[in-house]
């Protein structure tokens, strides 16, 4: 069923884990098919060990496969070196229209195309939104888009998910990216943000999670 599929766009190998590692587990628990598209191969990632670019690509692939296994999510690696060149952008758009058309997901999750301070995140998200429009024009279907937090905390949000039951699994998934946490151990920073989201959520509705992830809904109008 169309509405039983969620497509997650991860510009880099660890973006899904950072932004919505807990929510992925919640979606899977509900019986929703989750497909993660990892756009770039991580060759431009932090490289504190000084290994070759080819070795770094292999390392990052191994890490994302390990973290995906921890979360239980299906992944597809597109293997782009970057999203800077026009040729890569065109190829990405071609492949993404095909992916969206074939899957017809009920939901797409991706970084925010304006708020997120990472240029690659913004580029990938803007291109993906264009691809969604093209896919829907070709084969009409309903799809909601949700933006997840990665590099920049949201000033406000439309949705909050209680990930308390899966906080430990999310932490382990992030820690699987050892080549990156060795450079900057951002695990506690991400989990701290999730703890903050839970602690400072307006509890007037009686909802008071210990750990939480938040999302902004895309207005397609």
N, C-alpha and C. Protein backbone atom coordinates (compact mmCIF):
# COMPACT_ATOMS: atom_id res chain seq x y z
N UNK A 1 0.84 -1.20 0.00
CA UNK A 1 0.00 0.00 0.00
C UNK A 1 0.87 1.25 0.00
N UNK A 2 0.41 2.25 -0.74
CA UNK A 2 1.20 3.47 -0.86
C UNK A 2 1.49 4.10 0.49
N UNK A 3 0.46 4.23 1.34
CA UNK A 3 0.63 4.94 2.60
C UNK A 3 1.38 4.12 3.64
N UNK A 4 1.82 2.90 3.27
CA UNK A 4 2.58 2.07 4.20
C UNK A 4 4.07 2.11 3.89
N UNK A 5 4.47 3.09 3.09
CA UNK A 5 5.88 3.23 2.74
C UNK A 5 6.40 4.61 3.17
N UNK A 6 7.57 4.62 3.76
CA UNK A 6 8.24 5.87 4.12
C UNK A 6 9.61 5.89 3.47
N UNK A 7 9.89 6.95 2.74
CA UNK A 7 11.17 7.11 2.06
C UNK A 7 11.98 8.16 2.82
N UNK A 8 13.18 7.79 3.22
CA UNK A 8 14.04 8.71 3.97
C UNK A 8 15.25 9.07 3.13
N UNK A 9 15.48 10.35 2.97
CA UNK A 9 16.61 10.83 2.18
C UNK A 9 17.72 11.24 3.14
N UNK A 10 18.84 10.57 3.02
CA UNK A 10 20.00 10.83 3.88
C UNK A 10 21.16 11.32 3.00
N UNK A 11 21.41 12.62 2.95
CA UNK A 11 22.48 13.13 2.09
C UNK A 11 23.83 12.49 2.36
N UNK A 12 24.12 12.21 3.64
CA UNK A 12 25.36 11.56 4.04
C UNK A 12 25.04 10.27 4.79
N UNK A 13 26.01 9.39 4.95
CA UNK A 13 25.74 8.09 5.56
C UNK A 13 25.16 8.12 6.98
N UNK A 14 25.35 9.21 7.73
CA UNK A 14 24.88 9.23 9.12
C UNK A 14 23.73 10.20 9.40
N UNK A 15 23.18 10.83 8.38
CA UNK A 15 22.16 11.85 8.62
C UNK A 15 20.86 11.27 9.16
N UNK A 16 20.43 10.15 8.63
CA UNK A 16 19.21 9.51 9.14
C UNK A 16 19.35 9.21 10.62
N UNK A 17 20.47 8.60 10.99
CA UNK A 17 20.68 8.21 12.39
C UNK A 17 20.63 9.43 13.30
N UNK A 18 21.26 10.52 12.88
CA UNK A 18 21.30 11.74 13.67
C UNK A 18 19.91 12.36 13.80
N UNK A 19 19.22 12.52 12.69
CA UNK A 19 17.97 13.27 12.69
C UNK A 19 16.73 12.52 13.10
N UNK A 20 16.69 11.21 12.80
CA UNK A 20 15.44 10.49 13.07
C UNK A 20 15.65 9.00 13.31
N UNK A 21 16.78 8.67 13.94
CA UNK A 21 17.06 7.27 14.24
C UNK A 21 16.01 6.61 15.11
N UNK A 22 15.42 7.37 16.01
CA UNK A 22 14.37 6.82 16.87
C UNK A 22 13.04 6.70 16.16
N UNK A 23 12.71 7.70 15.36
CA UNK A 23 11.44 7.69 14.63
C UNK A 23 11.40 6.56 13.61
N UNK A 24 12.54 6.26 13.02
CA UNK A 24 12.62 5.12 12.10
C UNK A 24 12.14 3.85 12.79
N UNK A 25 12.59 3.65 14.01
CA UNK A 25 12.18 2.46 14.77
C UNK A 25 10.68 2.48 15.05
N UNK A 26 10.13 3.66 15.33
CA UNK A 26 8.70 3.77 15.56
C UNK A 26 7.91 3.43 14.30
N UNK A 27 8.38 3.91 13.15
CA UNK A 27 7.71 3.62 11.89
C UNK A 27 7.70 2.13 11.61
N UNK A 28 8.85 1.51 11.82
CA UNK A 28 8.95 0.07 11.59
C UNK A 28 8.05 -0.71 12.54
N UNK A 29 7.96 -0.23 13.77
CA UNK A 29 7.11 -0.88 14.77
C UNK A 29 5.64 -0.84 14.35
N UNK A 30 5.27 0.21 13.61
CA UNK A 30 3.90 0.35 13.13
C UNK A 30 3.64 -0.47 11.87
N UNK A 31 4.66 -1.15 11.38
CA UNK A 31 4.49 -1.96 10.18
C UNK A 31 4.69 -1.22 8.89
N UNK A 32 5.26 -0.03 8.96
CA UNK A 32 5.52 0.77 7.77
C UNK A 32 6.84 0.34 7.15
N UNK A 33 6.85 0.15 5.84
CA UNK A 33 8.09 -0.16 5.13
C UNK A 33 8.93 1.11 5.04
N UNK A 34 10.16 1.03 5.52
CA UNK A 34 11.05 2.19 5.52
C UNK A 34 12.23 1.93 4.59
N UNK A 35 12.43 2.83 3.64
CA UNK A 35 13.54 2.73 2.71
C UNK A 35 14.40 3.97 2.86
N UNK A 36 15.67 3.78 3.13
CA UNK A 36 16.60 4.90 3.28
C UNK A 36 17.47 5.03 2.04
N UNK A 37 17.48 6.21 1.46
CA UNK A 37 18.34 6.50 0.32
C UNK A 37 19.53 7.31 0.81
N UNK A 38 20.72 6.72 0.75
CA UNK A 38 21.95 7.40 1.15
C UNK A 38 22.58 7.98 -0.12
N UNK A 39 22.63 9.29 -0.21
CA UNK A 39 22.96 9.95 -1.47
C UNK A 39 24.45 9.95 -1.78
N UNK A 40 25.28 10.43 -0.86
CA UNK A 40 26.72 10.52 -1.13
C UNK A 40 27.48 9.42 -0.40
N UNK A 41 28.70 9.15 -0.89
CA UNK A 41 29.47 8.01 -0.37
C UNK A 41 30.41 8.35 0.78
N UNK A 42 30.41 9.61 1.21
CA UNK A 42 31.20 9.98 2.38
C UNK A 42 32.67 10.23 2.13
N UNK A 43 33.08 10.32 0.88
CA UNK A 43 34.50 10.52 0.60
C UNK A 43 35.02 11.88 1.07
N UNK A 44 34.10 12.82 1.27
CA UNK A 44 34.50 14.15 1.73
C UNK A 44 34.28 14.32 3.23
N UNK A 45 34.09 13.22 3.91
CA UNK A 45 33.87 13.26 5.35
C UNK A 45 35.16 13.57 6.10
N UNK A 46 35.01 13.86 7.39
CA UNK A 46 36.19 14.01 8.25
C UNK A 46 37.03 12.74 8.17
N UNK A 47 38.34 12.92 8.14
CA UNK A 47 39.24 11.77 7.95
C UNK A 47 40.41 11.85 8.92
N UNK A 48 40.14 11.73 10.22
CA UNK A 48 41.20 11.88 11.22
C UNK A 48 42.27 10.81 11.14
N UNK A 49 41.95 9.65 10.57
CA UNK A 49 42.93 8.57 10.47
C UNK A 49 43.87 8.74 9.29
N UNK A 50 43.53 9.65 8.37
CA UNK A 50 44.39 9.90 7.22
C UNK A 50 44.42 8.77 6.22
N UNK A 51 43.36 7.97 6.15
CA UNK A 51 43.31 6.88 5.18
C UNK A 51 43.01 7.44 3.79
N UNK A 52 43.19 6.62 2.77
CA UNK A 52 42.93 7.08 1.41
C UNK A 52 41.44 7.32 1.21
N UNK A 53 41.12 8.08 0.17
CA UNK A 53 39.72 8.38 -0.10
C UNK A 53 38.93 7.10 -0.39
N UNK A 54 39.56 6.19 -1.11
CA UNK A 54 38.90 4.91 -1.41
C UNK A 54 38.63 4.12 -0.13
N UNK A 55 39.59 4.14 0.77
CA UNK A 55 39.41 3.44 2.05
C UNK A 55 38.30 4.09 2.88
N UNK A 56 38.25 5.41 2.83
CA UNK A 56 37.21 6.13 3.58
C UNK A 56 35.82 5.78 3.05
N UNK A 57 35.70 5.70 1.73
CA UNK A 57 34.41 5.33 1.13
C UNK A 57 33.98 3.94 1.60
N UNK A 58 34.92 3.00 1.60
CA UNK A 58 34.60 1.64 2.05
C UNK A 58 34.25 1.62 3.54
N UNK A 59 34.97 2.42 4.31
CA UNK A 59 34.70 2.49 5.75
C UNK A 59 33.31 3.03 6.02
N UNK A 60 32.97 4.10 5.34
CA UNK A 60 31.66 4.72 5.57
C UNK A 60 30.52 3.82 5.11
N UNK A 61 30.75 3.06 4.04
CA UNK A 61 29.73 2.11 3.61
C UNK A 61 29.54 1.02 4.66
N UNK A 62 30.64 0.53 5.19
CA UNK A 62 30.56 -0.50 6.22
C UNK A 62 29.83 0.02 7.45
N UNK A 63 30.12 1.27 7.81
CA UNK A 63 29.48 1.87 8.99
C UNK A 63 27.98 2.06 8.80
N UNK A 64 27.58 2.54 7.62
CA UNK A 64 26.15 2.79 7.41
C UNK A 64 25.39 1.47 7.31
N UNK A 65 26.03 0.44 6.81
CA UNK A 65 25.36 -0.87 6.77
C UNK A 65 25.19 -1.41 8.20
N UNK A 66 26.19 -1.19 9.03
CA UNK A 66 26.10 -1.63 10.42
C UNK A 66 25.00 -0.87 11.16
N UNK A 67 24.98 0.45 11.00
CA UNK A 67 23.98 1.26 11.70
C UNK A 67 22.57 0.95 11.20
N UNK A 68 22.44 0.69 9.91
CA UNK A 68 21.13 0.36 9.35
C UNK A 68 20.63 -0.98 9.88
N UNK A 69 21.56 -1.89 10.09
CA UNK A 69 21.19 -3.19 10.67
C UNK A 69 20.72 -3.01 12.12
N UNK A 70 21.37 -2.11 12.84
CA UNK A 70 20.96 -1.83 14.22
C UNK A 70 19.53 -1.29 14.26
N UNK A 71 19.22 -0.40 13.32
CA UNK A 71 17.89 0.20 13.28
C UNK A 71 16.87 -0.69 12.59
N UNK A 72 17.34 -1.60 11.75
CA UNK A 72 16.44 -2.49 11.03
C UNK A 72 15.85 -1.89 9.78
N UNK A 73 16.58 -0.93 9.18
CA UNK A 73 16.05 -0.23 8.01
C UNK A 73 16.75 -0.70 6.73
N UNK A 74 15.99 -0.73 5.66
CA UNK A 74 16.52 -1.08 4.34
C UNK A 74 17.20 0.15 3.74
N UNK A 75 18.39 -0.03 3.17
CA UNK A 75 19.10 1.11 2.60
C UNK A 75 19.44 0.88 1.13
N UNK A 76 19.56 1.99 0.42
CA UNK A 76 20.02 1.99 -0.96
C UNK A 76 21.09 3.07 -1.08
N UNK A 77 22.29 2.69 -1.49
CA UNK A 77 23.41 3.62 -1.58
C UNK A 77 23.54 4.13 -3.02
N UNK A 78 23.32 5.42 -3.22
CA UNK A 78 23.43 5.97 -4.56
C UNK A 78 24.88 6.20 -4.97
N UNK A 79 25.76 6.43 -4.01
CA UNK A 79 27.19 6.48 -4.28
C UNK A 79 27.72 7.72 -4.97
N UNK A 80 27.04 8.84 -4.85
CA UNK A 80 27.56 10.08 -5.45
C UNK A 80 28.75 10.59 -4.65
N UNK A 81 29.72 11.15 -5.35
CA UNK A 81 30.89 11.71 -4.68
C UNK A 81 30.54 13.01 -3.97
N UNK A 82 29.63 13.77 -4.56
CA UNK A 82 29.19 15.04 -3.98
C UNK A 82 27.92 15.48 -4.69
N UNK A 83 27.40 16.62 -4.26
CA UNK A 83 26.25 17.22 -4.92
C UNK A 83 26.59 18.62 -5.40
N UNK A 84 27.83 18.78 -5.84
CA UNK A 84 28.31 20.08 -6.30
C UNK A 84 28.18 20.24 -7.81
N UNK A 85 28.53 19.21 -8.56
CA UNK A 85 28.56 19.33 -10.01
C UNK A 85 27.16 19.24 -10.61
N UNK A 86 26.97 19.93 -11.72
CA UNK A 86 25.68 19.89 -12.40
C UNK A 86 25.35 18.49 -12.89
N UNK A 87 26.38 17.76 -13.32
CA UNK A 87 26.14 16.40 -13.82
C UNK A 87 25.63 15.49 -12.71
N UNK A 88 26.19 15.61 -11.52
CA UNK A 88 25.71 14.81 -10.39
C UNK A 88 24.28 15.19 -10.00
N UNK A 89 24.00 16.48 -10.04
CA UNK A 89 22.65 16.94 -9.71
C UNK A 89 21.63 16.40 -10.71
N UNK A 90 22.00 16.42 -11.99
CA UNK A 90 21.09 15.90 -13.01
C UNK A 90 20.87 14.40 -12.84
N UNK A 91 21.96 13.66 -12.60
CA UNK A 91 21.85 12.21 -12.43
C UNK A 91 21.04 11.88 -11.18
N UNK A 92 21.28 12.62 -10.10
CA UNK A 92 20.51 12.39 -8.88
C UNK A 92 19.03 12.62 -9.13
N UNK A 93 18.70 13.71 -9.80
CA UNK A 93 17.30 14.03 -10.07
C UNK A 93 16.64 12.95 -10.92
N UNK A 94 17.35 12.48 -11.92
CA UNK A 94 16.82 11.42 -12.78
C UNK A 94 16.51 10.17 -11.96
N UNK A 95 17.46 9.78 -11.14
CA UNK A 95 17.29 8.56 -10.34
C UNK A 95 16.23 8.74 -9.26
N UNK A 96 16.15 9.94 -8.69
CA UNK A 96 15.19 10.16 -7.61
C UNK A 96 13.75 10.17 -8.13
N UNK A 97 13.53 10.75 -9.29
CA UNK A 97 12.19 10.71 -9.88
C UNK A 97 11.78 9.26 -10.11
N UNK A 98 12.71 8.46 -10.59
CA UNK A 98 12.43 7.04 -10.83
C UNK A 98 12.11 6.31 -9.53
N UNK A 99 12.90 6.59 -8.49
CA UNK A 99 12.68 5.94 -7.18
C UNK A 99 11.32 6.31 -6.61
N UNK A 100 11.01 7.60 -6.62
CA UNK A 100 9.74 8.06 -6.05
C UNK A 100 8.55 7.53 -6.85
N UNK A 101 8.67 7.54 -8.17
CA UNK A 101 7.59 7.04 -9.02
C UNK A 101 7.33 5.57 -8.77
N UNK A 102 8.39 4.80 -8.62
CA UNK A 102 8.24 3.36 -8.39
C UNK A 102 7.69 3.04 -7.00
N UNK A 103 8.15 3.78 -5.99
CA UNK A 103 7.74 3.49 -4.61
C UNK A 103 6.40 4.11 -4.24
N UNK A 104 6.16 5.32 -4.76
CA UNK A 104 4.98 6.10 -4.39
C UNK A 104 4.78 6.09 -2.86
N UNK A 105 5.74 6.61 -2.12
CA UNK A 105 5.67 6.57 -0.66
C UNK A 105 4.58 7.48 -0.11
N UNK A 106 4.06 7.10 1.03
CA UNK A 106 3.08 7.95 1.69
C UNK A 106 3.73 9.11 2.42
N UNK A 107 5.02 8.91 2.78
CA UNK A 107 5.78 9.96 3.48
C UNK A 107 7.21 9.98 2.95
N UNK A 108 7.77 11.18 2.90
CA UNK A 108 9.19 11.36 2.61
C UNK A 108 9.78 12.21 3.73
N UNK A 109 10.93 11.79 4.23
CA UNK A 109 11.64 12.52 5.29
C UNK A 109 12.99 12.98 4.73
N UNK A 110 13.35 14.23 5.04
CA UNK A 110 14.60 14.79 4.53
C UNK A 110 15.00 16.00 5.36
N UNK A 111 16.27 16.44 5.26
CA UNK A 111 16.69 17.63 6.00
C UNK A 111 15.94 18.87 5.48
N UNK A 112 15.94 19.91 6.28
CA UNK A 112 15.23 21.12 5.88
C UNK A 112 16.00 21.83 4.76
N UNK A 113 15.32 22.22 3.67
CA UNK A 113 16.01 22.83 2.53
C UNK A 113 16.44 24.28 2.73
N UNK A 114 16.05 24.87 3.86
CA UNK A 114 16.44 26.26 4.13
C UNK A 114 17.11 26.42 5.49
N UNK A 115 16.56 25.79 6.52
CA UNK A 115 17.08 25.98 7.87
C UNK A 115 18.41 25.26 8.08
N UNK A 116 18.56 24.07 7.54
CA UNK A 116 19.79 23.30 7.75
C UNK A 116 20.99 24.05 7.16
N UNK A 117 22.04 24.20 7.95
CA UNK A 117 23.17 25.02 7.51
C UNK A 117 24.13 24.29 6.58
N UNK A 118 23.97 22.98 6.41
CA UNK A 118 24.87 22.23 5.53
C UNK A 118 24.39 22.36 4.08
N UNK A 119 25.26 22.85 3.21
CA UNK A 119 24.87 23.11 1.83
C UNK A 119 24.41 21.85 1.10
N UNK A 120 25.11 20.74 1.31
CA UNK A 120 24.71 19.50 0.64
C UNK A 120 23.32 19.06 1.08
N UNK A 121 23.01 19.23 2.36
CA UNK A 121 21.68 18.88 2.85
C UNK A 121 20.62 19.71 2.14
N UNK A 122 20.86 21.00 2.04
CA UNK A 122 19.89 21.88 1.40
C UNK A 122 19.72 21.53 -0.08
N UNK A 123 20.84 21.29 -0.75
CA UNK A 123 20.79 20.95 -2.17
C UNK A 123 20.00 19.68 -2.42
N UNK A 124 20.33 18.64 -1.67
CA UNK A 124 19.64 17.35 -1.83
C UNK A 124 18.15 17.50 -1.56
N UNK A 125 17.79 18.23 -0.54
CA UNK A 125 16.38 18.38 -0.19
C UNK A 125 15.62 19.17 -1.24
N UNK A 126 16.21 20.24 -1.75
CA UNK A 126 15.54 21.03 -2.78
C UNK A 126 15.34 20.21 -4.05
N UNK A 127 16.36 19.47 -4.43
CA UNK A 127 16.24 18.63 -5.62
C UNK A 127 15.18 17.55 -5.41
N UNK A 128 15.15 16.96 -4.22
CA UNK A 128 14.17 15.91 -3.94
C UNK A 128 12.74 16.43 -4.01
N UNK A 129 12.51 17.63 -3.49
CA UNK A 129 11.17 18.21 -3.55
C UNK A 129 10.75 18.46 -4.99
N UNK A 130 11.69 18.89 -5.82
CA UNK A 130 11.40 19.06 -7.26
C UNK A 130 11.08 17.71 -7.90
N UNK A 131 11.83 16.69 -7.50
CA UNK A 131 11.60 15.35 -8.05
C UNK A 131 10.24 14.81 -7.64
N UNK A 132 9.83 15.10 -6.42
CA UNK A 132 8.51 14.66 -5.96
C UNK A 132 7.41 15.29 -6.80
N UNK A 133 7.55 16.58 -7.09
CA UNK A 133 6.56 17.26 -7.92
C UNK A 133 6.48 16.61 -9.30
N UNK A 134 7.66 16.30 -9.86
CA UNK A 134 7.70 15.68 -11.19
C UNK A 134 7.07 14.29 -11.17
N UNK A 135 7.34 13.54 -10.10
CA UNK A 135 6.79 12.18 -9.99
C UNK A 135 5.28 12.21 -9.85
N UNK A 136 4.77 13.12 -9.03
CA UNK A 136 3.32 13.23 -8.82
C UNK A 136 2.62 13.70 -10.09
N UNK A 137 3.30 14.53 -10.86
CA UNK A 137 2.73 14.98 -12.13
C UNK A 137 2.60 13.82 -13.10
N UNK A 138 3.57 12.91 -13.04
CA UNK A 138 3.55 11.75 -13.94
C UNK A 138 2.54 10.71 -13.49
N UNK A 139 2.55 10.38 -12.20
CA UNK A 139 1.61 9.40 -11.64
C UNK A 139 1.07 10.00 -10.34
N UNK A 140 -0.09 10.63 -10.36
CA UNK A 140 -0.62 11.30 -9.16
C UNK A 140 -0.77 10.35 -7.97
N UNK A 141 -0.28 10.78 -6.83
CA UNK A 141 -0.45 10.06 -5.57
C UNK A 141 -0.24 11.04 -4.43
N UNK A 142 -0.69 10.66 -3.23
CA UNK A 142 -0.58 11.54 -2.07
C UNK A 142 0.68 11.21 -1.27
N UNK A 143 1.39 12.26 -0.88
CA UNK A 143 2.63 12.07 -0.13
C UNK A 143 2.88 13.29 0.76
N UNK A 144 3.17 13.04 2.03
CA UNK A 144 3.54 14.11 2.96
C UNK A 144 5.05 14.15 3.09
N UNK A 145 5.60 15.36 3.18
CA UNK A 145 7.04 15.52 3.38
C UNK A 145 7.31 16.11 4.76
N UNK A 146 8.26 15.52 5.45
CA UNK A 146 8.65 15.97 6.79
C UNK A 146 10.14 16.24 6.83
N UNK A 147 10.52 17.37 7.41
CA UNK A 147 11.94 17.73 7.54
C UNK A 147 12.43 17.35 8.93
N UNK A 148 13.58 16.72 8.99
CA UNK A 148 14.17 16.33 10.28
C UNK A 148 15.40 17.18 10.60
N UNK A 149 15.73 17.26 11.89
CA UNK A 149 16.85 18.08 12.36
C UNK A 149 18.19 17.35 12.17
N UNK A 150 19.16 18.05 11.60
CA UNK A 150 20.51 17.49 11.54
C UNK A 150 21.50 18.51 12.07
N UNK A 151 21.90 19.46 11.25
CA UNK A 151 22.94 20.41 11.66
C UNK A 151 22.41 21.63 12.38
N UNK A 152 21.13 21.90 12.22
CA UNK A 152 20.58 23.13 12.80
C UNK A 152 19.28 22.84 13.55
N UNK A 153 19.23 23.11 14.87
CA UNK A 153 17.99 22.91 15.62
C UNK A 153 16.87 23.79 15.07
N UNK A 154 15.67 23.26 15.03
CA UNK A 154 14.52 24.01 14.53
C UNK A 154 14.04 25.02 15.57
N UNK A 155 13.69 26.24 15.13
CA UNK A 155 13.13 27.22 16.07
C UNK A 155 11.72 26.86 16.52
N UNK A 156 11.01 26.10 15.71
CA UNK A 156 9.67 25.59 16.05
C UNK A 156 9.45 24.33 15.23
N UNK A 157 8.38 23.61 15.53
CA UNK A 157 8.16 22.36 14.81
C UNK A 157 6.68 22.02 14.79
N UNK A 158 6.32 21.08 13.91
CA UNK A 158 4.92 20.69 13.72
C UNK A 158 4.60 19.32 14.31
N UNK A 159 5.63 18.57 14.62
CA UNK A 159 5.41 17.18 15.06
C UNK A 159 6.51 16.76 16.01
N UNK A 160 6.15 16.02 17.03
CA UNK A 160 7.14 15.50 17.97
C UNK A 160 6.88 14.01 18.16
N UNK A 161 7.95 13.23 18.16
CA UNK A 161 7.85 11.78 18.34
C UNK A 161 8.59 11.36 19.61
N UNK A 162 7.93 10.58 20.42
CA UNK A 162 8.52 10.06 21.64
C UNK A 162 9.40 8.86 21.30
N UNK A 163 10.72 9.04 21.38
CA UNK A 163 11.63 7.95 20.99
C UNK A 163 12.28 7.30 22.21
N UNK A 164 11.70 7.51 23.38
CA UNK A 164 12.31 7.01 24.62
C UNK A 164 12.62 5.52 24.55
N UNK A 165 11.72 4.74 23.99
CA UNK A 165 11.92 3.29 23.91
C UNK A 165 13.07 2.90 23.00
N UNK A 166 13.46 3.82 22.11
CA UNK A 166 14.48 3.50 21.13
C UNK A 166 15.72 4.40 21.23
N UNK A 167 15.82 5.15 22.32
CA UNK A 167 16.96 6.07 22.48
C UNK A 167 18.29 5.32 22.49
N UNK A 168 18.34 4.20 23.17
CA UNK A 168 19.59 3.43 23.23
C UNK A 168 19.96 2.89 21.86
N UNK A 169 18.96 2.44 21.11
CA UNK A 169 19.24 1.92 19.77
C UNK A 169 19.73 3.03 18.85
N UNK A 170 19.14 4.22 18.99
CA UNK A 170 19.60 5.36 18.20
C UNK A 170 21.05 5.69 18.54
N UNK A 171 21.38 5.71 19.80
CA UNK A 171 22.75 5.99 20.22
C UNK A 171 23.72 4.99 19.61
N UNK A 172 23.38 3.72 19.66
CA UNK A 172 24.26 2.69 19.10
C UNK A 172 24.41 2.84 17.59
N UNK A 173 23.34 3.25 16.92
CA UNK A 173 23.40 3.46 15.48
C UNK A 173 24.33 4.62 15.13
N UNK A 174 24.27 5.69 15.91
CA UNK A 174 25.18 6.82 15.68
C UNK A 174 26.62 6.40 15.95
N UNK A 175 26.82 5.67 17.03
CA UNK A 175 28.17 5.25 17.42
C UNK A 175 28.79 4.27 16.42
N UNK A 176 27.96 3.68 15.56
CA UNK A 176 28.49 2.79 14.52
C UNK A 176 29.33 3.56 13.51
N UNK A 177 29.13 4.86 13.44
CA UNK A 177 29.89 5.70 12.51
C UNK A 177 31.19 6.14 13.19
N UNK A 178 32.02 5.17 13.48
CA UNK A 178 33.23 5.40 14.28
C UNK A 178 34.22 6.35 13.61
N UNK A 179 34.30 6.32 12.29
CA UNK A 179 35.26 7.19 11.60
C UNK A 179 34.92 8.66 11.83
N UNK A 180 33.65 8.95 12.06
CA UNK A 180 33.23 10.34 12.27
C UNK A 180 33.22 10.73 13.73
N UNK A 181 32.76 9.85 14.60
CA UNK A 181 32.74 10.19 16.02
C UNK A 181 34.15 10.23 16.61
N UNK A 182 35.11 9.61 15.91
CA UNK A 182 36.51 9.70 16.36
C UNK A 182 37.04 11.11 16.15
N UNK A 183 36.50 11.78 15.13
CA UNK A 183 36.90 13.16 14.84
C UNK A 183 36.18 14.14 15.76
N UNK A 184 34.90 13.93 15.90
CA UNK A 184 34.08 14.79 16.77
C UNK A 184 32.98 13.91 17.35
N UNK A 185 33.05 13.64 18.63
CA UNK A 185 32.08 12.74 19.24
C UNK A 185 30.76 13.47 19.45
N UNK A 186 29.97 13.52 18.38
CA UNK A 186 28.72 14.27 18.41
C UNK A 186 27.55 13.48 18.98
N UNK A 187 27.81 12.24 19.38
CA UNK A 187 26.71 11.40 19.89
C UNK A 187 25.98 12.07 21.05
N UNK A 188 26.73 12.53 22.05
CA UNK A 188 26.10 13.15 23.21
C UNK A 188 25.39 14.44 22.84
N UNK A 189 25.92 15.15 21.85
CA UNK A 189 25.26 16.38 21.40
C UNK A 189 23.90 16.10 20.80
N UNK A 190 23.83 15.08 19.96
CA UNK A 190 22.55 14.71 19.34
C UNK A 190 21.57 14.19 20.38
N UNK A 191 22.04 13.29 21.23
CA UNK A 191 21.15 12.75 22.25
C UNK A 191 20.73 13.83 23.25
N UNK A 192 21.62 14.80 23.46
CA UNK A 192 21.28 15.92 24.33
C UNK A 192 20.16 16.76 23.74
N UNK A 193 20.20 16.95 22.41
CA UNK A 193 19.12 17.68 21.74
C UNK A 193 17.81 16.92 21.88
N UNK A 194 17.86 15.61 21.71
CA UNK A 194 16.65 14.79 21.87
C UNK A 194 16.12 14.85 23.29
N UNK A 195 17.03 14.89 24.25
CA UNK A 195 16.61 15.01 25.66
C UNK A 195 15.98 16.38 25.90
N UNK A 196 16.57 17.40 25.32
CA UNK A 196 16.05 18.76 25.43
C UNK A 196 14.65 18.84 24.84
N UNK A 197 14.47 18.24 23.67
CA UNK A 197 13.15 18.26 23.01
C UNK A 197 12.09 17.63 23.91
N UNK A 198 12.46 16.54 24.56
CA UNK A 198 11.51 15.89 25.45
C UNK A 198 11.22 16.71 26.69
N UNK A 199 12.28 17.28 27.28
CA UNK A 199 12.12 18.01 28.54
C UNK A 199 11.34 19.31 28.38
N UNK A 200 11.52 19.99 27.24
CA UNK A 200 10.92 21.31 27.09
C UNK A 200 9.70 21.33 26.18
N UNK A 201 9.20 20.15 25.82
CA UNK A 201 7.96 20.13 25.05
C UNK A 201 6.81 20.60 25.93
N UNK A 202 5.90 21.38 25.34
CA UNK A 202 4.73 21.87 26.07
C UNK A 202 3.89 20.68 26.53
N UNK A 203 3.81 20.48 27.81
CA UNK A 203 3.11 19.31 28.35
C UNK A 203 1.63 19.57 28.62
N UNK A 204 1.09 20.65 28.08
CA UNK A 204 -0.33 20.94 28.29
C UNK A 204 -1.21 19.82 27.75
N UNK A 205 -0.70 19.10 26.75
CA UNK A 205 -1.47 18.01 26.18
C UNK A 205 -1.22 16.69 26.91
N UNK A 206 -0.43 16.75 27.99
CA UNK A 206 -0.16 15.55 28.77
C UNK A 206 0.93 14.67 28.19
N UNK A 207 1.54 15.12 27.11
CA UNK A 207 2.58 14.35 26.44
C UNK A 207 3.94 14.82 26.94
N UNK A 208 4.66 13.97 27.64
CA UNK A 208 5.93 14.37 28.24
C UNK A 208 6.98 13.28 28.04
N UNK A 209 7.57 13.21 26.85
CA UNK A 209 8.56 12.18 26.56
C UNK A 209 9.90 12.47 27.23
N UNK A 210 10.65 11.44 27.49
CA UNK A 210 11.99 11.61 28.03
C UNK A 210 12.97 11.99 26.91
N UNK A 211 12.82 11.33 25.77
CA UNK A 211 13.64 11.61 24.59
C UNK A 211 12.70 11.82 23.41
N UNK A 212 12.99 12.79 22.55
CA UNK A 212 12.07 13.07 21.45
C UNK A 212 12.81 13.61 20.22
N UNK A 213 12.21 13.38 19.07
CA UNK A 213 12.67 13.96 17.81
C UNK A 213 11.53 14.80 17.25
N UNK A 214 11.88 15.90 16.57
CA UNK A 214 10.85 16.80 16.05
C UNK A 214 11.00 16.98 14.54
N UNK A 215 9.88 17.40 13.93
CA UNK A 215 9.82 17.52 12.48
C UNK A 215 9.01 18.75 12.08
N UNK A 216 9.35 19.29 10.93
CA UNK A 216 8.58 20.37 10.32
C UNK A 216 7.91 19.82 9.07
N UNK A 217 6.63 20.11 8.92
CA UNK A 217 5.90 19.63 7.75
C UNK A 217 6.10 20.56 6.57
N UNK A 218 6.34 19.98 5.42
CA UNK A 218 6.51 20.75 4.19
C UNK A 218 5.15 21.21 3.68
N UNK A 219 5.06 22.50 3.40
CA UNK A 219 3.84 23.05 2.81
C UNK A 219 4.02 23.02 1.30
N UNK A 220 3.32 22.14 0.63
CA UNK A 220 3.51 21.96 -0.81
C UNK A 220 2.76 22.98 -1.64
N UNK A 221 1.98 23.84 -1.00
CA UNK A 221 1.21 24.83 -1.76
C UNK A 221 2.11 25.90 -2.35
